[in-house]
Amino acid sequence: MSYQYFMNSLTETVDGYQMMFSSQAMACNIAYYEEWFHILPEIKCLVLLIKANGNEAVTDDDFVKMQSLIGNCLAYEMSDPDHNVHLSNTKNYMPTLMNF
């Protein structure tokens, strides 16, 4: 996952490749990463869980696991492969959000 995070954080510009995020922020993400599945059952409010289809930022197995651990969860898988579906697929995202 850390390798994918790094590779997905590269963007090509006229000056060459640059990081979309600061290298310091990425290093902190890797150094301080903690397993967080154990806290999901503590969430008591209704949760809208959205996954981008074909994007491995959240694996299919983790998506299913998250759904099983959140007691009150509405899960949707968007057809757009971009992890930021709220930006890349507003046509499908907004109705999902509004229905929620």
Protein backbone atom coordinates (compact mmCIF):
# COMPACT_ATOMS: atom_id res chain seq x y z
CA MET A 1 0.00 0.00 0.00
CA SER A 2 2.81 2.45 0.80
CA TYR A 3 4.35 1.90 -2.63
CA GLN A 4 1.00 2.48 -4.33
CA TYR A 5 0.44 5.61 -2.25
CA PHE A 6 3.82 6.91 -3.36
CA MET A 7 3.26 6.10 -7.04
CA ASN A 8 -0.25 7.59 -7.02
CA SER A 9 1.17 10.76 -5.48
CA LEU A 10 3.35 11.51 -8.51
CA THR A 11 2.13 13.95 -11.11
CA GLU A 12 3.77 14.92 -14.38
CA THR A 13 4.34 18.62 -15.04
CA VAL A 14 6.21 20.51 -17.73
CA ASP A 15 9.20 20.50 -15.35
CA GLY A 16 9.07 16.73 -14.82
CA TYR A 17 7.51 14.61 -12.08
CA GLN A 18 6.51 16.17 -8.76
CA MET A 19 4.73 14.94 -5.67
CA MET A 20 1.08 15.89 -5.22
CA PHE A 21 1.62 15.79 -1.45
CA SER A 22 4.58 16.77 0.65
CA SER A 23 7.17 14.05 1.14
CA GLN A 24 7.06 14.86 4.86
CA ALA A 25 3.33 14.10 4.99
CA MET A 26 3.86 10.84 3.13
CA ALA A 27 6.68 9.82 5.47
CA CYS A 28 4.47 10.53 8.49
CA ASN A 29 1.68 8.46 6.98
CA ILE A 30 4.02 5.50 6.64
CA ALA A 31 5.80 5.97 9.98
CA TYR A 32 2.66 6.45 12.09
CA TYR A 33 0.24 4.16 10.28
CA GLU A 34 -1.97 2.26 12.70
CA GLU A 35 -4.45 -0.51 12.16
CA TRP A 36 -7.89 1.10 12.55
CA PHE A 37 -10.45 -1.64 11.87
CA HIS A 38 -10.91 -2.23 15.61
CA ILE A 39 -12.54 1.19 16.08
CA LEU A 40 -15.19 0.77 13.36
CA PRO A 41 -17.69 -1.08 15.62
CA GLU A 42 -17.66 1.96 17.92
CA ILE A 43 -19.30 4.12 15.24
CA LYS A 44 -22.97 4.46 16.15
CA CYS A 45 -24.24 6.95 13.57
CA LEU A 46 -25.33 6.11 10.04
CA VAL A 47 -22.30 5.88 7.73
CA LEU A 48 -22.11 6.38 3.97
CA LEU A 49 -19.26 4.18 2.76
CA ILE A 50 -18.17 4.72 -0.84
CA LYS A 51 -15.54 2.84 -2.79
CA ALA A 52 -14.22 3.64 -6.25
CA ASN A 53 -14.51 0.54 -8.45
CA GLY A 54 -11.11 -0.71 -9.54
CA ASN A 55 -9.14 1.56 -7.21
CA GLU A 56 -7.03 -0.28 -4.66
CA ALA A 57 -6.81 2.54 -2.12
CA VAL A 58 -9.49 0.45 -0.43
CA THR A 59 -9.32 -3.19 -1.44
CA ASP A 60 -12.49 -5.19 -2.10
CA ASP A 61 -11.74 -7.31 0.98
CA ASP A 62 -11.31 -4.23 3.18
CA PHE A 63 -14.51 -2.71 1.81
CA VAL A 64 -16.45 -5.83 2.78
CA LYS A 65 -14.71 -5.95 6.16
CA MET A 66 -15.56 -2.30 6.84
CA GLN A 67 -19.21 -2.93 6.00
CA SER A 68 -19.33 -5.86 8.41
CA LEU A 69 -17.78 -3.87 11.24
CA ILE A 70 -19.91 -0.73 10.92
CA GLY A 71 -23.32 -1.53 12.35
CA ASN A 72 -25.33 1.12 10.53
CA CYS A 73 -23.73 1.42 7.11
CA LEU A 74 -24.92 2.18 3.59
CA ALA A 75 -22.25 1.06 1.15
CA TYR A 76 -21.92 2.00 -2.50
CA GLU A 77 -19.32 1.19 -5.11
CA MET A 78 -18.95 3.91 -7.71
CA SER A 79 -18.14 2.99 -11.31
CA ASP A 80 -15.37 5.60 -11.57
CA PRO A 81 -11.92 4.20 -10.69
CA ASP A 82 -10.65 7.51 -9.25
CA HIS A 83 -10.31 7.34 -5.44
CA ASN A 84 -11.67 10.90 -5.22
CA VAL A 85 -15.08 10.03 -6.68
CA HIS A 86 -16.59 13.13 -5.09
CA LEU A 87 -14.46 15.16 -7.54
CA SER A 88 -14.14 12.89 -10.56
CA ASN A 89 -17.69 11.52 -10.74
CA THR A 90 -19.98 14.19 -9.32
CA LYS A 91 -22.79 13.07 -11.65
CA ASN A 92 -23.12 9.77 -9.76
CA TYR A 93 -21.71 10.88 -6.42
CA MET A 94 -24.08 13.76 -5.70
CA PRO A 95 -27.33 11.76 -6.01
CA THR A 96 -25.82 9.08 -3.77
CA LEU A 97 -24.88 11.68 -1.21
CA MET A 98 -28.26 13.44 -1.41
CA ASN A 99 -30.13 10.13 -0.97
CA PHE A 100 -28.02 9.44 2.09
